[in-house]
Amino acid sequence: MENTLEVLVVDDDEVDRMLLIRSLKAAGLNIHLTEVTNFDEVIVTLAETKFDCIFIDDCLPGKDGLTLIKEIRGLNITSPLIVLTGQGDEQIAVDIMKAGAYDYIPKSKITPDRLGLVTRNAIKFYQANTEATLANQRLQESYDLLVKQNHQLEAQQRQIQLQNWQLKKASQLKSQFLSMMSHELKTPLNAIIGFSQMLLRPSKGILNQQQSKMVETILRNGKQLLTMLNEILDLSEIEAGNAKLKPDFFDLTQVINNVVEEIYPQAIAKNINLFTDIHLKNSKVFNDSRRLRQVLIHLLSNAIKFTDSGGKVWVEVSAIQPDIHSEIKLDREMNKLIISVHDTGIGIALEDLEYIFEPFRQIDQTITKKYPGTGVGLAITDSIIKMMSGKITVSSEIGQCTTFQIEIPRNIPLTVDC
């Protein structure tokens, strides 16, 4: 069942109005009719009620149809207007349609079928036009909102860019400050270490036993402080982009054995079993041996530091075995080497593993008090391995073990900035 339609009939001729009304009802339309006979009533009625369709006589007393249409449209009334014309007034009706009417019907040709068809089409057109207008309004509102949001995003992007620039500048200033202070501190520190070593020479013989122990403490702490300063210098150079690789050909087995030999006294002092487990048919490598040595020294020193007396620390080396069924990846896979540093130390909590390579990160205050350090060694190690076109990962179990695994290319790519 059709909804009840609000229909306005504007005609000063009562007979014509009755004919129109009967035809509308005969057409089967469910309508509620409002009748007016002059222009003033039209304006008042339209201000009070919204109509689904308006029928207008093209010739009202004191007001022609063209003027009436224009004034109705001037009131922003969009309801469909159907003009009722007299015989021979078709040209006038066409002009009225151009002014904003939907259609016209000569009064002499009004029939229920024709009137019903025109009315339904007019209302459908009006409803479709109304929906389109609402859709356009929503689209315009969405567009305006998107434009506003885009302006806000652009402003936020500019703010982020400014903040990034400020952060980058602050980071550069921090690196410059750390570098400057480290260099300045190394000068008196080198003097402290040098004079301490001179005082401890047996040939001097100027110190008694208690004094010698004091100077040995000064020397030991001086060397520890020098190591910390060197780490901070390395980090500041890396962050500033000044750290460069110096690749060369070297024997990986020999480099590892030399590092283990250098670290061995630390292991002996803590009664830790330090050894290697190398499985390489070809140990020739083209990479930065100095930087690799720096990484191994740090990882082994860390492993010994966090392993209790009687524990084990060892270095395992192997080449990645390629998949024999993958010919495409064969050369690339054979170019990779795996260096793993294992220990049976205190381990690292699972929730701390993702932060382990962040500089100055202290994951456990109690541990850092027992095992002092700058907290930048692993950050430096991670950066160096990335410079070498490799990667480093860590796995650990609290109170059981920790493994740092390094994967590097046998031959560093020529595209790497050295």
Protein backbone atom coordinates (compact mmCIF):
# COMPACT_ATOMS: atom_id res chain seq x y z
CA MET A 1 0.00 0.00 0.00
CA GLU A 2 1.33 3.40 -1.03
CA ASN A 3 2.05 6.00 1.60
CA THR A 4 -0.36 8.88 1.89
CA LEU A 5 0.83 11.68 -0.36
CA GLU A 6 0.43 15.33 0.52
CA VAL A 7 -0.90 17.03 -2.63
CA LEU A 8 -1.56 20.75 -3.12
CA VAL A 9 -3.97 21.95 -5.84
CA VAL A 10 -3.72 25.63 -6.80
CA ASP A 11 -6.65 26.66 -9.05
CA ASP A 12 -9.31 29.36 -8.78
CA ASP A 13 -11.80 27.35 -10.88
CA GLU A 14 -13.84 25.03 -8.65
CA VAL A 15 -14.96 22.83 -11.56
CA ASP A 16 -11.35 22.30 -12.70
CA ARG A 17 -10.34 21.46 -9.14
CA MET A 18 -13.11 18.87 -8.79
CA LEU A 19 -12.14 17.29 -12.11
CA LEU A 20 -8.52 17.06 -11.03
CA ILE A 21 -9.37 15.62 -7.63
CA ARG A 22 -11.68 12.95 -9.07
CA SER A 23 -9.03 11.95 -11.59
CA LEU A 24 -6.37 11.67 -8.86
CA LYS A 25 -8.61 9.42 -6.78
CA ALA A 26 -9.61 7.38 -9.83
CA ALA A 27 -5.91 6.84 -10.56
CA GLY A 28 -5.66 4.89 -7.30
CA LEU A 29 -3.38 7.34 -5.55
CA ASN A 30 -3.50 7.47 -1.76
CA ILE A 31 -3.58 11.23 -1.27
CA HIS A 32 -4.37 13.93 1.23
CA LEU A 33 -5.52 17.03 -0.67
CA THR A 34 -5.11 20.67 0.14
CA GLU A 35 -6.86 23.24 -2.09
CA VAL A 36 -6.04 26.93 -2.48
CA THR A 37 -7.42 29.49 -4.94
CA ASN A 38 -4.98 32.40 -4.97
CA PHE A 39 -1.32 33.30 -4.71
CA ASP A 40 -1.37 34.57 -1.13
CA GLU A 41 -2.87 31.29 0.11
CA VAL A 42 -0.15 29.38 -1.78
CA ILE A 43 2.67 31.16 0.04
CA VAL A 44 1.07 30.70 3.48
CA THR A 45 0.23 27.04 2.86
CA LEU A 46 3.72 26.20 1.57
CA ALA A 47 5.24 27.78 4.66
CA GLU A 48 3.18 25.48 6.89
CA THR A 49 3.21 22.14 5.03
CA LYS A 50 5.66 20.13 2.95
CA PHE A 51 3.97 18.64 -0.13
CA ASP A 52 4.92 15.62 -2.22
CA CYS A 53 3.37 17.18 -5.35
CA ILE A 54 1.88 20.56 -6.32
CA PHE A 55 -0.60 21.18 -9.18
CA ILE A 56 -0.72 24.81 -10.37
CA ASP A 57 -3.08 26.55 -12.74
CA ASP A 58 -1.01 28.56 -15.20
CA CYS A 59 -3.32 31.53 -14.94
CA LEU A 60 -4.31 32.69 -11.46
CA PRO A 61 -5.95 36.05 -10.81
CA GLY A 62 -3.29 38.74 -10.59
CA LYS A 63 -0.39 36.29 -11.01
CA ASP A 64 0.74 34.31 -14.06
CA GLY A 65 2.09 30.81 -13.70
CA LEU A 66 5.67 31.69 -14.72
CA THR A 67 5.97 34.28 -11.95
CA LEU A 68 4.41 31.93 -9.42
CA ILE A 69 6.85 29.12 -10.25
CA LYS A 70 9.82 31.44 -9.91
CA GLU A 71 8.64 32.75 -6.55
CA ILE A 72 7.98 29.22 -5.22
CA ARG A 73 11.44 28.09 -6.28
CA GLY A 74 12.81 31.26 -4.75
CA LEU A 75 11.53 29.99 -1.40
CA ASN A 76 13.78 26.87 -1.82
CA ILE A 77 10.74 24.63 -2.18
CA THR A 78 11.80 21.61 -4.25
CA SER A 79 8.50 19.69 -4.41
CA PRO A 80 7.57 18.67 -7.98
CA LEU A 81 5.35 21.23 -9.75
CA ILE A 82 2.85 20.10 -12.42
CA VAL A 83 1.31 22.90 -14.47
CA LEU A 84 -2.34 22.74 -15.55
CA THR A 85 -2.74 24.62 -18.82
CA GLY A 86 -5.69 25.76 -20.84
CA GLN A 87 -6.22 24.81 -24.47
CA GLY A 88 -3.48 26.14 -26.71
CA ASP A 89 -1.22 27.20 -23.78
CA GLU A 90 1.46 24.55 -24.39
CA GLN A 91 4.14 27.10 -25.27
CA ILE A 92 3.46 29.00 -22.07
CA ALA A 93 3.72 25.69 -20.14
CA VAL A 94 7.08 24.90 -21.72
CA ASP A 95 8.40 28.27 -20.52
CA ILE A 96 7.04 27.51 -17.09
CA MET A 97 8.81 24.14 -17.06
CA LYS A 98 12.05 25.90 -17.88
CA ALA A 99 11.46 28.00 -14.78
CA GLY A 100 11.37 24.88 -12.61
CA ALA A 101 8.16 22.88 -13.19
CA TYR A 102 8.40 19.10 -13.62
CA ASP A 103 5.66 18.63 -16.27
CA TYR A 104 2.44 20.09 -17.65
CA ILE A 105 -0.98 18.68 -18.55
CA PRO A 106 -3.65 20.44 -20.66
CA LYS A 107 -6.85 20.50 -18.62
CA SER A 108 -8.76 19.16 -21.59
CA LYS A 109 -6.57 16.03 -21.68
CA ILE A 110 -6.70 15.08 -18.01
CA THR A 111 -7.54 11.40 -17.52
CA PRO A 112 -6.99 9.19 -14.47
CA ASP A 113 -4.36 7.08 -16.28
CA ARG A 114 -2.38 10.01 -17.60
CA LEU A 115 -2.64 11.98 -14.37
CA GLY A 116 -1.63 8.94 -12.28
CA LEU A 117 1.39 8.25 -14.50
CA VAL A 118 2.59 11.87 -14.47
CA THR A 119 2.04 12.20 -10.72
CA ARG A 120 3.86 8.99 -9.82
CA ASN A 121 6.78 9.82 -12.12
CA ALA A 122 6.98 13.32 -10.68
CA ILE A 123 7.07 11.99 -7.12
CA LYS A 124 9.65 9.32 -8.00
CA PHE A 125 11.78 11.97 -9.66
CA TYR A 126 11.42 14.22 -6.63
CA GLN A 127 12.34 11.44 -4.22
CA ALA A 128 15.33 10.39 -6.34
CA ASN A 129 16.44 14.00 -6.65
CA THR A 130 16.04 14.47 -2.88
CA GLU A 131 18.10 11.36 -2.16
CA ALA A 132 20.74 12.48 -4.64
CA THR A 133 20.86 15.89 -3.00
CA LEU A 134 21.24 14.32 0.43
CA ALA A 135 23.93 11.98 -0.91
CA ASN A 136 25.76 14.94 -2.44
CA GLN A 137 25.50 16.78 0.86
CA ARG A 138 26.94 13.80 2.69
CA LEU A 139 29.69 13.50 0.10
CA GLN A 140 30.46 17.19 0.43
CA GLU A 141 30.50 16.91 4.21
CA SER A 142 32.79 13.87 3.95
CA TYR A 143 35.01 15.72 1.50
CA ASP A 144 35.14 18.79 3.76
CA LEU A 145 35.98 16.53 6.71
CA LEU A 146 38.71 14.78 4.71
CA VAL A 147 40.15 18.14 3.64
CA LYS A 148 40.13 19.28 7.27
CA GLN A 149 41.74 16.03 8.43
CA ASN A 150 44.29 16.25 5.63
CA HIS A 151 45.22 19.77 6.75
CA GLN A 152 45.53 18.48 10.31
CA LEU A 153 47.69 15.57 9.14
CA GLU A 154 49.88 17.92 7.14
CA ALA A 155 50.27 20.13 10.20
CA GLN A 156 51.09 17.07 12.33
CA GLN A 157 53.54 15.86 9.70
CA ARG A 158 55.28 19.22 9.71
CA GLN A 159 55.38 19.08 13.51
CA ILE A 160 56.79 15.54 13.43
CA GLN A 161 59.40 16.57 10.84
CA LEU A 162 60.39 19.48 13.06
CA GLN A 163 60.57 17.22 16.11
CA ASN A 164 62.58 14.63 14.14
CA TRP A 165 64.99 17.36 13.06
CA GLN A 166 65.27 18.57 16.64
CA LEU A 167 65.82 15.00 17.89
CA LYS A 168 68.43 14.40 15.20
CA LYS A 169 70.15 17.64 16.11
CA ALA A 170 70.02 16.75 19.80
CA SER A 171 71.42 13.28 19.03
CA GLN A 172 74.25 14.83 17.02
CA LEU A 173 75.01 17.26 19.84
CA LYS A 174 74.93 14.38 22.33
CA SER A 175 77.32 12.35 20.18
CA GLN A 176 79.63 15.34 19.77
CA PHE A 177 79.54 15.99 23.50
CA LEU A 178 80.25 12.34 24.35
CA SER A 179 83.08 12.24 21.83
CA MET A 180 84.61 15.49 23.10
CA MET A 181 84.31 14.53 26.78
CA SER A 182 85.69 11.04 26.13
CA HIS A 183 88.72 12.47 24.35
CA GLU A 184 89.23 15.03 27.10
CA LEU A 185 88.96 12.37 29.81
CA LYS A 186 91.34 10.00 28.03
CA THR A 187 94.26 12.42 28.29
CA PRO A 188 94.50 12.49 32.13
CA LEU A 189 93.42 8.84 32.27
CA ASN A 190 96.30 7.76 30.05
CA ALA A 191 98.65 9.64 32.39
CA ILE A 192 97.15 7.84 35.41
CA ILE A 193 97.54 4.44 33.74
CA GLY A 194 101.02 5.20 32.48
CA PHE A 195 102.39 6.45 35.78
CA SER A 196 100.73 3.56 37.65
CA GLN A 197 102.48 1.08 35.38
CA MET A 198 105.79 2.87 35.92
CA LEU A 199 105.36 2.75 39.70
CA LEU A 200 104.68 -0.99 39.57
CA ARG A 201 107.84 -1.85 37.64
CA PRO A 202 110.04 -4.16 39.72
CA SER A 203 113.09 -2.14 38.80
CA LYS A 204 111.75 0.92 40.61
CA GLY A 205 111.37 -0.74 43.99
CA ILE A 206 110.01 2.45 45.55
CA LEU A 207 106.70 1.03 46.82
CA ASN A 208 106.04 -1.21 49.75
CA GLN A 209 103.50 -4.08 49.53
CA GLN A 210 100.50 -2.02 50.69
CA GLN A 211 101.34 0.83 48.33
CA SER A 212 101.72 -1.58 45.43
CA LYS A 213 98.24 -2.96 46.05
CA MET A 214 96.83 0.56 46.05
CA VAL A 215 98.54 1.40 42.76
CA GLU A 216 97.35 -1.90 41.28
CA THR A 217 93.79 -0.91 42.21
CA ILE A 218 94.32 2.49 40.56
CA LEU A 219 95.66 0.79 37.42
CA ARG A 220 92.85 -1.77 37.26
CA ASN A 221 90.12 0.82 37.64
CA GLY A 222 91.87 3.16 35.22
CA LYS A 223 91.91 0.46 32.56
CA GLN A 224 88.23 -0.29 33.24
CA LEU A 225 87.38 3.39 32.88
CA LEU A 226 89.40 3.58 29.66
CA THR A 227 87.43 0.65 28.25
CA MET A 228 84.17 2.45 29.09
CA LEU A 229 85.37 5.66 27.41
CA ASN A 230 86.40 3.75 24.30
CA GLU A 231 82.94 2.15 24.14
CA ILE A 232 81.26 5.55 24.40
CA LEU A 233 83.56 6.89 21.67
CA ASP A 234 82.66 3.96 19.42
CA LEU A 235 78.95 4.50 19.98
CA SER A 236 79.17 8.23 19.28
CA GLU A 237 81.07 7.55 16.04
CA ILE A 238 78.50 4.98 14.93
CA GLU A 239 75.54 7.24 15.76
CA ALA A 240 77.20 10.13 13.92
CA GLY A 241 77.73 7.92 10.86
CA ASN A 242 81.50 8.29 11.04
CA ALA A 243 82.28 4.61 11.67
CA LYS A 244 83.61 2.90 8.54
CA LEU A 245 84.61 -0.63 7.66
CA LYS A 246 88.09 -1.55 6.47
CA PRO A 247 87.59 -4.95 4.82
CA ASP A 248 90.50 -7.27 4.16
CA PHE A 249 91.17 -10.97 3.59
CA PHE A 250 91.84 -12.91 6.78
CA ASP A 251 91.69 -16.35 8.32
CA LEU A 252 88.59 -16.53 10.54
CA THR A 253 89.91 -19.47 12.58
CA GLN A 254 93.10 -17.59 13.36
CA VAL A 255 91.23 -14.42 14.40
CA ILE A 256 88.97 -16.41 16.74
CA ASN A 257 91.88 -18.33 18.27
CA ASN A 258 93.79 -15.06 18.83
CA VAL A 259 90.77 -13.49 20.57
CA VAL A 260 90.26 -16.56 22.76
CA GLU A 261 93.94 -16.52 23.70
CA GLU A 262 93.67 -12.84 24.63
CA ILE A 263 90.54 -13.40 26.74
CA TYR A 264 91.82 -16.62 28.31
CA PRO A 265 93.34 -14.97 31.45
CA GLN A 266 89.88 -13.60 32.35
CA ALA A 267 88.44 -17.11 32.15
CA ILE A 268 91.28 -18.62 34.21
CA ALA A 269 90.79 -15.96 36.89
CA LYS A 270 87.15 -17.09 37.33
CA ASN A 271 87.82 -20.82 36.86
CA ILE A 272 85.77 -20.90 33.66
CA ASN A 273 86.36 -23.42 30.88
CA LEU A 274 86.90 -21.39 27.67
CA PHE A 275 87.24 -23.26 24.35
CA THR A 276 86.36 -23.23 20.64
CA ASP A 277 84.35 -25.56 18.40
CA ILE A 278 85.16 -24.64 14.79
CA HIS A 279 83.76 -26.58 11.82
CA LEU A 280 85.09 -24.87 8.69
CA LYS A 281 86.67 -26.42 5.62
CA ASN A 282 87.43 -22.96 4.28
CA SER A 283 88.20 -20.27 6.88
CA LYS A 284 89.15 -17.50 4.42
CA VAL A 285 86.94 -14.41 4.80
CA PHE A 286 86.78 -10.97 3.21
CA ASN A 287 85.39 -8.60 5.82
CA ASP A 288 86.62 -6.24 8.55
CA SER A 289 88.78 -8.37 10.85
CA ARG A 290 89.38 -5.51 13.31
CA ARG A 291 85.65 -4.92 13.80
CA LEU A 292 84.94 -8.67 14.06
CA ARG A 293 87.67 -8.98 16.68
CA GLN A 294 86.05 -6.10 18.61
CA VAL A 295 82.69 -7.89 18.54
CA LEU A 296 84.15 -11.22 19.68
CA ILE A 297 86.09 -9.63 22.53
CA HIS A 298 82.97 -7.95 23.83
CA LEU A 299 80.76 -11.04 23.54
CA LEU A 300 83.34 -13.31 25.19
CA SER A 301 84.09 -10.79 27.96
CA ASN A 302 80.36 -10.47 28.61
CA ALA A 303 79.94 -14.25 28.66
CA ILE A 304 82.75 -14.63 31.20
CA LYS A 305 81.45 -11.71 33.28
CA PHE A 306 77.97 -13.25 33.62
CA THR A 307 79.13 -16.85 34.14
CA ASP A 308 79.91 -18.10 37.63
CA SER A 309 83.02 -20.04 38.59
CA GLY A 310 83.09 -23.57 37.17
CA GLY A 311 80.96 -22.66 34.17
CA LYS A 312 81.70 -22.90 30.45
CA VAL A 313 82.08 -20.37 27.62
CA TRP A 314 82.77 -21.44 24.06
CA VAL A 315 82.79 -20.19 20.49
CA GLU A 316 81.17 -22.31 17.78
CA VAL A 317 81.76 -21.57 14.09
CA SER A 318 80.19 -23.14 11.02
CA ALA A 319 79.09 -22.39 7.47
CA ILE A 320 75.39 -22.48 6.60
CA GLN A 321 74.63 -25.69 4.78
CA PRO A 322 72.63 -24.87 1.64
CA ASP A 323 69.54 -26.75 0.56
CA ILE A 324 70.73 -29.06 -2.26
CA HIS A 325 67.28 -28.83 -3.85
CA SER A 326 67.48 -25.03 -4.15
CA GLU A 327 69.91 -24.21 -6.95
CA ILE A 328 68.83 -20.56 -7.04
CA LYS A 329 69.88 -19.94 -3.40
CA LEU A 330 72.98 -22.12 -3.48
CA ASP A 331 75.67 -19.46 -3.97
CA ARG A 332 74.06 -16.98 -1.60
CA GLU A 333 73.60 -19.53 1.19
CA MET A 334 77.18 -20.82 0.89
CA ASN A 335 78.40 -17.25 1.39
CA LYS A 336 77.18 -17.11 5.01
CA LEU A 337 79.03 -18.01 8.21
CA ILE A 338 77.62 -18.57 11.70
CA ILE A 339 79.59 -17.59 14.81
CA SER A 340 77.93 -18.45 18.12
CA VAL A 341 79.12 -17.47 21.59
CA HIS A 342 77.63 -19.79 24.25
CA ASP A 343 77.81 -19.59 28.01
CA THR A 344 76.32 -21.37 31.03
CA GLY A 345 75.76 -18.08 32.86
CA ILE A 346 72.90 -16.35 34.63
CA GLY A 347 70.77 -15.96 31.49
CA ILE A 348 68.47 -13.17 30.33
CA ALA A 349 64.73 -12.90 31.05
CA LEU A 350 62.46 -13.40 28.04
CA GLU A 351 60.83 -9.98 28.46
CA ASP A 352 64.28 -8.31 28.37
CA LEU A 353 65.52 -9.93 25.15
CA GLU A 354 63.86 -7.36 22.86
CA TYR A 355 65.70 -4.53 24.65
CA ILE A 356 69.08 -6.20 24.92
CA PHE A 357 70.65 -4.25 22.03
CA GLU A 358 69.42 -0.79 23.11
CA PRO A 359 72.21 1.57 24.29
CA PHE A 360 72.43 2.45 28.00
CA ARG A 361 69.60 0.02 28.73
CA GLN A 362 69.82 -1.41 32.24
CA ILE A 363 67.48 -4.38 32.31
CA ASP A 364 68.12 -5.23 35.94
CA GLN A 365 69.49 -2.77 38.49
CA THR A 366 70.68 -5.54 40.80
CA ILE A 367 72.65 -7.18 37.96
CA THR A 368 74.24 -3.92 36.79
CA LYS A 369 75.41 -3.21 40.32
CA LYS A 370 77.01 -6.65 40.58
CA TYR A 371 78.36 -6.59 37.01
CA PRO A 372 79.33 -2.96 36.19
CA GLY A 373 79.52 -1.57 32.66
CA THR A 374 78.36 1.25 30.41
CA GLY A 375 75.48 -0.68 28.87
CA VAL A 376 76.52 0.23 25.33
CA GLY A 377 78.61 -2.81 24.35
CA LEU A 378 75.77 -4.82 22.82
CA ALA A 379 74.43 -1.74 21.03
CA ILE A 380 77.88 -1.25 19.48
CA THR A 381 78.06 -4.95 18.62
CA ASP A 382 74.66 -4.86 16.91
CA SER A 383 75.62 -1.76 14.89
CA ILE A 384 78.95 -3.25 13.81
CA ILE A 385 77.36 -6.52 12.68
CA LYS A 386 74.82 -4.57 10.61
CA MET A 387 77.67 -2.57 9.06
CA MET A 388 79.23 -5.91 8.11
CA SER A 389 76.00 -6.88 6.28
CA GLY A 390 75.19 -9.42 8.98
CA LYS A 391 72.77 -9.88 11.85
CA ILE A 392 72.97 -10.91 15.48
CA THR A 393 70.34 -12.75 17.53
CA VAL A 394 70.15 -13.89 21.13
CA SER A 395 68.47 -16.77 22.90
CA SER A 396 68.61 -17.41 26.62
CA GLU A 397 67.19 -19.26 29.59
CA ILE A 398 67.29 -17.77 33.08
CA GLY A 399 69.88 -19.47 35.28
CA GLN A 400 70.94 -21.85 32.50
CA CYS A 401 72.57 -20.39 29.40
CA THR A 402 72.78 -17.65 26.79
CA THR A 403 73.75 -17.81 23.12
CA PHE A 404 74.60 -14.87 20.89
CA GLN A 405 74.56 -15.95 17.23
CA ILE A 406 76.20 -13.87 14.51
CA GLU A 407 75.51 -14.41 10.83
CA ILE A 408 77.89 -12.64 8.44
CA PRO A 409 78.73 -12.99 4.75
CA ARG A 410 81.99 -14.76 3.91
CA ASN A 411 82.62 -11.99 1.40
CA ILE A 412 81.19 -8.59 2.26
CA PRO A 413 79.21 -7.06 -0.67
CA LEU A 414 81.09 -4.43 -2.63
CA THR A 415 78.05 -2.11 -2.30
CA VAL A 416 78.59 -1.72 1.45
CA ASP A 417 79.86 1.74 2.42
CA CYS A 418 83.32 1.00 3.72
